[in-house]
Structures are given as structure tokens and as C-alpha cells.
Protein backbone atom coordinates (compact mmCIF):
# COMPACT_ATOMS: atom_id res chain seq x y z
CA MET A 1 19.21 1.11 -3.51
CA SER A 2 16.26 1.10 -5.90
CA TYR A 3 13.15 -0.88 -6.66
CA LYS A 4 13.91 -3.29 -9.50
CA SER A 5 10.51 -4.97 -9.55
CA ILE A 6 7.09 -3.54 -8.73
CA LEU A 7 3.90 -5.58 -8.43
CA VAL A 8 0.54 -3.86 -8.85
CA HIS A 9 -2.67 -5.62 -7.88
CA LEU A 10 -5.39 -5.17 -10.49
CA ASP A 11 -9.07 -6.03 -10.40
CA THR A 12 -12.30 -4.90 -12.05
CA SER A 13 -12.84 -1.92 -9.75
CA VAL A 14 -13.16 1.69 -10.91
CA ARG A 15 -9.81 2.59 -9.32
CA ALA A 16 -7.81 -0.16 -11.04
CA HIS A 17 -6.84 2.06 -14.00
CA PRO A 18 -5.55 5.01 -11.90
CA ARG A 19 -3.64 2.51 -9.75
CA LEU A 20 -2.04 1.03 -12.87
CA GLU A 21 -1.06 4.50 -14.09
CA ILE A 22 0.70 5.27 -10.80
CA ALA A 23 2.52 1.92 -10.86
CA LEU A 24 3.62 2.54 -14.46
CA GLN A 25 5.05 5.95 -13.62
CA LEU A 26 6.88 4.53 -10.60
CA ALA A 27 8.30 1.70 -12.71
CA HIS A 28 9.53 4.29 -15.21
CA ARG A 29 11.04 6.44 -12.43
CA PHE A 30 12.92 3.56 -10.81
CA HIS A 31 13.70 1.66 -14.06
CA ALA A 32 11.82 -1.29 -12.62
CA ARG A 33 10.02 -4.26 -14.14
CA LEU A 34 6.24 -4.02 -13.60
CA ILE A 35 4.17 -7.08 -12.77
CA GLY A 36 0.42 -6.77 -13.19
CA LEU A 37 -1.29 -9.32 -10.93
CA PHE A 38 -4.99 -9.76 -11.69
CA SER A 39 -7.00 -11.20 -8.80
CA THR A 40 -10.67 -10.67 -8.02
CA TYR A 41 -13.23 -12.08 -5.63
CA VAL A 42 -13.96 -15.69 -6.52
CA PRO A 43 -17.15 -17.13 -4.98
CA PRO A 44 -16.59 -20.55 -3.37
CA ARG A 45 -18.13 -23.24 -5.54
CA HIS A 46 -19.64 -25.16 -2.62
CA ALA A 47 -21.72 -22.08 -1.71
CA PHE A 48 -23.59 -22.33 -5.00
CA PHE A 49 -24.04 -26.04 -5.36
CA VAL A 50 -26.24 -26.22 -2.27
CA MET A 51 -29.02 -24.36 -4.11
CA ALA A 52 -30.63 -25.37 -7.36
CA GLY A 53 -29.83 -23.20 -10.36
CA THR A 54 -26.79 -21.49 -8.85
CA ALA A 55 -24.30 -23.48 -10.91
CA GLU A 56 -25.35 -21.39 -13.91
CA TYR A 57 -24.74 -18.22 -11.91
CA TYR A 58 -21.24 -19.39 -11.03
CA ALA A 59 -20.48 -20.20 -14.68
CA GLU A 60 -21.68 -16.73 -15.76
CA HIS A 61 -19.55 -15.09 -13.06
CA GLU A 62 -16.51 -17.00 -14.33
CA ARG A 63 -17.21 -15.98 -17.93
CA GLN A 64 -17.49 -12.28 -17.01
CA ARG A 65 -14.35 -12.45 -14.90
CA HIS A 66 -12.27 -13.90 -17.74
CA GLU A 67 -13.70 -11.35 -20.17
CA ARG A 68 -12.76 -8.44 -17.91
CA ALA A 69 -9.33 -9.95 -17.25
CA GLY A 70 -8.70 -10.17 -21.00
CA SER A 71 -9.68 -6.54 -21.52
CA LEU A 72 -7.47 -5.34 -18.67
CA GLU A 73 -4.55 -7.46 -19.86
CA ARG A 74 -4.70 -5.84 -23.31
CA LEU A 75 -4.72 -2.39 -21.68
CA PHE A 76 -1.79 -3.38 -19.44
CA HIS A 77 0.41 -4.41 -22.37
CA ALA A 78 -0.55 -1.30 -24.35
CA GLU A 79 0.37 0.91 -21.40
CA LEU A 80 3.68 -0.90 -20.94
CA ALA A 81 4.56 -0.18 -24.56
CA ARG A 82 3.50 3.47 -24.25
CA ALA A 83 5.57 3.99 -21.08
CA LYS A 84 8.50 1.95 -22.41
CA VAL A 85 8.46 -0.25 -19.32
CA GLU A 86 9.22 -3.98 -19.20
CA GLY A 87 6.61 -6.08 -17.51
CA GLN A 88 4.61 -9.24 -17.04
CA TRP A 89 0.93 -10.06 -16.69
CA ILE A 90 -0.26 -12.74 -14.27
CA THR A 91 -3.83 -13.92 -13.78
CA ALA A 92 -4.08 -15.53 -10.36
CA ASP A 93 -7.04 -17.87 -9.86
CA GLY A 94 -8.26 -18.61 -6.37
CA TYR A 95 -8.76 -16.94 -3.01
CA ALA A 96 -6.75 -13.70 -3.04
CA ASN A 97 -5.43 -13.95 0.53
CA ASP A 98 -3.85 -17.31 -0.40
CA ILE A 99 -2.57 -16.69 -3.92
CA VAL A 100 -1.42 -13.05 -3.91
CA PRO A 101 1.25 -13.17 -1.13
CA PRO A 102 3.55 -15.75 -2.85
CA TYR A 103 3.75 -13.51 -5.95
CA ALA A 104 4.10 -10.35 -3.85
CA ARG A 105 7.08 -11.73 -1.92
CA LEU A 106 9.07 -11.76 -5.17
CA ALA A 107 8.68 -7.99 -5.76
CA ASP A 108 10.58 -5.06 -4.24
CA LEU A 109 7.41 -2.95 -3.90
CA ILE A 110 3.71 -3.81 -3.89
CA VAL A 111 1.05 -1.34 -5.07
CA LEU A 112 -2.46 -1.93 -3.69
CA GLY A 113 -5.67 0.07 -3.61
CA GLN A 114 -7.36 1.22 -0.42
CA THR A 115 -10.53 -0.71 0.34
CA ASP A 116 -13.45 1.10 -1.32
CA PRO A 117 -16.76 0.44 0.47
CA VAL A 118 -18.85 2.01 -2.31
CA ASP A 119 -17.47 -0.18 -5.14
CA PRO A 120 -18.42 -3.89 -4.84
CA GLU A 121 -15.82 -4.78 -7.48
CA ALA A 122 -13.06 -3.53 -5.13
CA PHE A 123 -13.69 -6.39 -2.70
CA VAL A 124 -11.37 -9.34 -3.34
CA ALA A 125 -11.10 -10.96 0.11
CA GLU A 126 -11.69 -10.25 3.79
CA GLN A 127 -9.00 -7.86 5.12
CA PHE A 128 -7.07 -8.24 1.86
CA VAL A 129 -4.83 -5.18 2.32
CA GLU A 130 -4.11 -6.05 5.94
CA HIS A 131 -3.27 -9.63 5.00
CA VAL A 132 -0.80 -8.60 2.28
CA VAL A 133 0.90 -6.02 4.52
CA LEU A 134 1.26 -8.54 7.35
CA SER A 135 2.22 -11.68 5.43
CA THR A 136 4.53 -10.68 2.58
CA GLY A 137 7.52 -9.03 4.25
CA ARG A 138 7.50 -6.41 1.46
CA PRO A 139 6.68 -2.68 1.54
CA VAL A 140 3.15 -1.91 0.40
CA LEU A 141 2.26 1.38 -1.29
CA LEU A 142 -1.44 1.89 -0.61
CA VAL A 143 -3.27 4.21 -3.03
CA PRO A 144 -6.38 6.11 -1.82
CA SER A 145 -9.75 5.03 -3.18
CA SER A 146 -10.94 8.59 -3.80
CA GLY A 147 -9.61 11.83 -5.19
CA ARG A 148 -7.04 12.47 -7.87
CA VAL A 149 -3.75 10.88 -6.90
CA THR A 150 -0.49 11.64 -8.67
CA PRO A 151 2.64 9.49 -8.40
CA PRO A 152 3.93 10.13 -4.87
CA GLY A 153 7.36 11.06 -3.60
CA ARG A 154 7.91 14.79 -4.10
CA HIS A 155 7.48 15.60 -0.37
CA VAL A 156 7.55 12.60 1.97
CA LEU A 157 6.36 12.53 5.59
CA ILE A 158 7.96 9.85 7.79
CA ALA A 159 6.05 8.82 10.93
CA TRP A 160 8.77 8.04 13.50
CA ASP A 161 8.31 6.43 16.91
CA GLY A 162 11.60 4.57 17.27
CA SER A 163 10.05 1.14 16.69
CA ARG A 164 11.27 -1.79 14.62
CA GLU A 165 8.39 -1.30 12.19
CA ALA A 166 9.16 2.39 11.67
CA THR A 167 12.84 1.58 11.13
CA ARG A 168 11.92 -1.06 8.56
CA ALA A 169 9.62 1.39 6.79
CA ILE A 170 12.41 3.97 6.45
CA HIS A 171 14.75 1.41 4.92
CA ASP A 172 12.04 0.12 2.57
CA ALA A 173 11.24 3.68 1.47
CA LEU A 174 14.84 4.74 0.69
CA PRO A 175 14.27 4.80 -3.10
CA PHE A 176 11.44 7.31 -2.54
CA LEU A 177 13.46 9.29 0.01
CA THR A 178 16.52 9.65 -2.20
CA HIS A 179 14.35 10.89 -5.11
CA ALA A 180 12.28 13.30 -2.99
CA ALA A 181 12.66 17.06 -3.16
CA LYS A 182 11.90 17.22 0.56
CA VAL A 183 11.52 14.76 3.43
CA SER A 184 9.94 15.57 6.81
CA LEU A 185 10.35 13.23 9.77
CA LEU A 186 7.73 13.62 12.48
CA THR A 187 7.57 12.28 16.03
CA VAL A 188 4.16 12.68 17.70
CA HIS A 189 3.96 13.00 21.50
CA SER A 190 1.01 13.13 23.87
CA PRO A 191 1.03 14.10 27.58
CA SER A 192 0.38 10.48 28.59
CA ASP A 193 3.35 9.15 26.62
CA GLN A 194 5.77 6.98 28.51
CA PRO A 195 8.35 6.27 25.81
CA PRO A 196 10.92 3.53 26.43
CA ARG A 197 14.29 4.72 27.64
CA ASP A 198 16.00 3.32 24.56
CA ARG A 199 13.75 5.14 22.06
CA ILE A 200 15.88 6.57 19.26
CA PRO A 201 15.35 10.35 18.91
CA GLY A 202 14.13 11.65 15.58
CA ALA A 203 17.32 13.73 15.17
CA ASN A 204 19.45 10.57 15.39
CA ILE A 205 17.54 8.59 12.75
CA GLY A 206 17.44 11.79 10.70
CA LEU A 207 21.24 11.79 10.55
CA THR A 208 21.19 8.16 9.38
CA ILE A 209 18.78 9.06 6.57
CA ALA A 210 20.78 12.17 5.63
CA ARG A 211 23.85 10.01 4.97
CA HIS A 212 21.98 8.67 1.95
CA GLY A 213 21.96 12.16 0.47
CA VAL A 214 18.43 12.93 1.66
CA LYS A 215 17.46 16.48 2.61
CA ILE A 216 15.47 15.96 5.80
CA ASP A 217 13.55 18.17 8.20
CA VAL A 218 13.10 16.70 11.70
CA ARG A 219 9.97 17.76 13.58
CA GLU A 220 8.15 16.98 16.83
CA LEU A 221 4.46 17.46 17.55
CA THR A 222 2.65 17.33 20.89
CA ILE A 223 -1.05 16.46 20.80
CA GLU A 224 -3.84 16.16 23.36
CA ASN A 225 -4.48 12.78 24.96
CA ASP A 226 -7.78 12.39 23.10
CA THR A 227 -6.29 13.15 19.66
CA PRO A 228 -5.58 9.99 17.63
CA VAL A 229 -2.02 9.86 16.30
CA GLY A 230 -3.32 8.86 12.86
CA ASP A 231 -5.45 11.99 12.65
CA ALA A 232 -2.45 14.11 13.66
CA LEU A 233 -0.31 12.53 10.93
CA LEU A 234 -2.95 13.15 8.25
CA SER A 235 -3.37 16.73 9.43
CA GLN A 236 0.38 17.34 9.28
CA ALA A 237 0.63 15.76 5.83
CA SER A 238 -2.05 18.18 4.59
CA GLU A 239 -0.51 21.20 6.30
CA LEU A 240 2.99 20.49 4.96
CA GLY A 241 1.79 19.57 1.46
CA CYS A 242 3.14 16.01 1.63
CA ASP A 243 2.16 13.53 -1.08
CA LEU A 244 3.38 10.35 0.63
CA ILE A 245 3.38 9.06 4.22
CA VAL A 246 5.91 6.41 5.27
CA MET A 247 5.12 4.45 8.42
CA GLY A 248 5.42 1.13 10.15
CA ALA A 249 2.33 -1.08 10.18
CA TYR A 250 1.30 -2.45 13.55
CA ALA A 251 -0.78 -5.60 13.43
CA HIS A 252 -0.91 -9.25 14.40
CA SER A 253 -2.90 -12.28 13.32
CA ARG A 254 -5.51 -13.80 15.62
CA LEU A 255 -6.91 -17.00 14.15
CA HIS A 256 -8.33 -15.83 10.78
CA GLU A 257 -8.50 -12.15 11.72
CA VAL A 258 -5.89 -9.41 11.37
CA VAL A 259 -5.90 -7.08 14.38
CA LEU A 260 -4.54 -3.61 13.54
CA GLY A 261 -2.96 -0.98 15.74
CA GLY A 262 -4.97 2.23 16.09
CA THR A 263 -2.75 4.44 13.91
CA THR A 264 -2.51 1.80 11.18
CA ARG A 265 -6.29 1.36 11.21
CA THR A 266 -6.82 5.13 10.91
CA MET A 267 -4.52 5.28 7.89
CA LEU A 268 -6.20 2.38 6.11
CA GLU A 269 -9.64 3.91 6.67
CA SER A 270 -9.00 7.66 6.30
CA MET A 271 -5.87 8.10 4.17
CA THR A 272 -5.84 11.15 1.90
CA VAL A 273 -2.45 10.57 0.24
CA PRO A 274 -0.63 7.33 -0.65
CA VAL A 275 0.88 5.54 2.34
CA LEU A 276 3.91 3.24 2.28
CA LEU A 277 3.47 0.58 4.97
CA SER A 278 6.05 -1.88 6.24
CA HIS A 279 5.62 -4.55 8.88
């Protein structure tokens, strides 16, 4: 199993170029076709037409957006040629939460950037990352919004709790796992845990992964009741020197809002290394 197509979301944020570089190196590693999907925040037209003079502002915003898209598209094609990777550029017009998922469902892996609260250009839609993770049925590689990030996959940490989502994440991450020098699988326990009787032990799923030729280290960690599991995972990733976390994403839609599980929310807010999420 390998990724044959990778889609990277690009915008006008500061972190768009590093995200493109990571996607390019992954496409080269997996011999995959790279799709650059450009989508930014588009102000609703009706919001401007209610006030005099705002039509000109909207037109200027559109002009700047197309100018930046053109510049990024030229860079994208130049980088494809440099990396000797096949690819395609797509400019998607409209509300990102509506137009990105249909393209993303056609790719084997999606590369997104973590929400960056200090860069206004990083905002494309409300709960954009959460919406893509929840609605596409594809694994999402989320790249941190700060720090220097290298292409992940040398030492992978799997967060295992026996759930459907965690199982799906392991399967979706197999191309990373089979290329990794080391894989650690971690089950986190707390004194208040009441795991279901049919929970699959980490050692059992570890054997399943090992049959793919993966060298895997199975671990268990007990934490205090007041220690968030997400914090424990990030701490273990740092202690072990992991450069990628693989985990199931727990969330559900409630009207127009995506409600996240606590561990998933911690990862999206506090991640220090890339995280592969599957729902």
C-alpha cells in the first residue's frame, strides 16, 4: 500500500510555503501525484452590498486574491519541476468548507496546516480543519503552524485505544509505518478508566502491524486522572523523539458546528509535531 495522490491545501498564509515543501517531499517519497488546491477566505458578497462603498473593497480583495494565487501557482509548478514530481494546480473559488471536501475525497492523503491564530491569512473558514477531517473520509496530515517541521515519518507514535477511529488511522498510516525506522504504539490508561471488555490490547494490534514488515515497540502509560490524554501523548512524542503522531479523530457534527473529543481538540490546538488524523 502507498499513497498515489496527495492533496495539499495552499493559501496566502506565511506557512503555506513550508507546507508545500513537506507535501513535495512526501510526494517524492511515495512516488505520488501532488495536487495543489488553492482556497482562501472569500467574503460573502451580500455582507458588502449592504453598506455604501464596500463593493469597491470586495473588488480589490478579489484582485489581490487572484494576484497571490497566480504567484503561488508559478512557485508550485517550479517546485514540481525541481522535485521531479507530477502534479496539478487547482484554484477553488467559494466557501472552503463547501468546495475543498469534494476535491479532497479524490486524494489518498490530505496535507493541511494547523490553524494559526496570529496570521489572519491562515483563516479560510470556520473550523476548516475539523470540517475536512470529519467530512472527507480521507487521512489528514496536519502540519504545525510554528517551528521548523521536516517531512515526518522517521519515528512514528501511534495513539491506540482499541477504537474504530484508531484502527482506521493505523490502516491509513501504513505507508508511513512501512517506511519508518521505528514505530511506537502507546496505550494511555488512567485510574478511572473503565475500558470495554472487547478492547483490543496494544500487543494484539502490534502483531497485525508487524505483519506488514513494521518494526514496532508496544508501550503502555498510566497517568493521573487530572492529566489530559492529549498532553500525555505530546509529552511521550517529545520524550521518544517522534516526528509524527498517528491517531483517530473523535468528533461529530451538531448543526453547523463540529464538536471535538478532548484529545483531538488538544492535538489541534497544541500539536508540536505533524499529526495524521483519521475519522
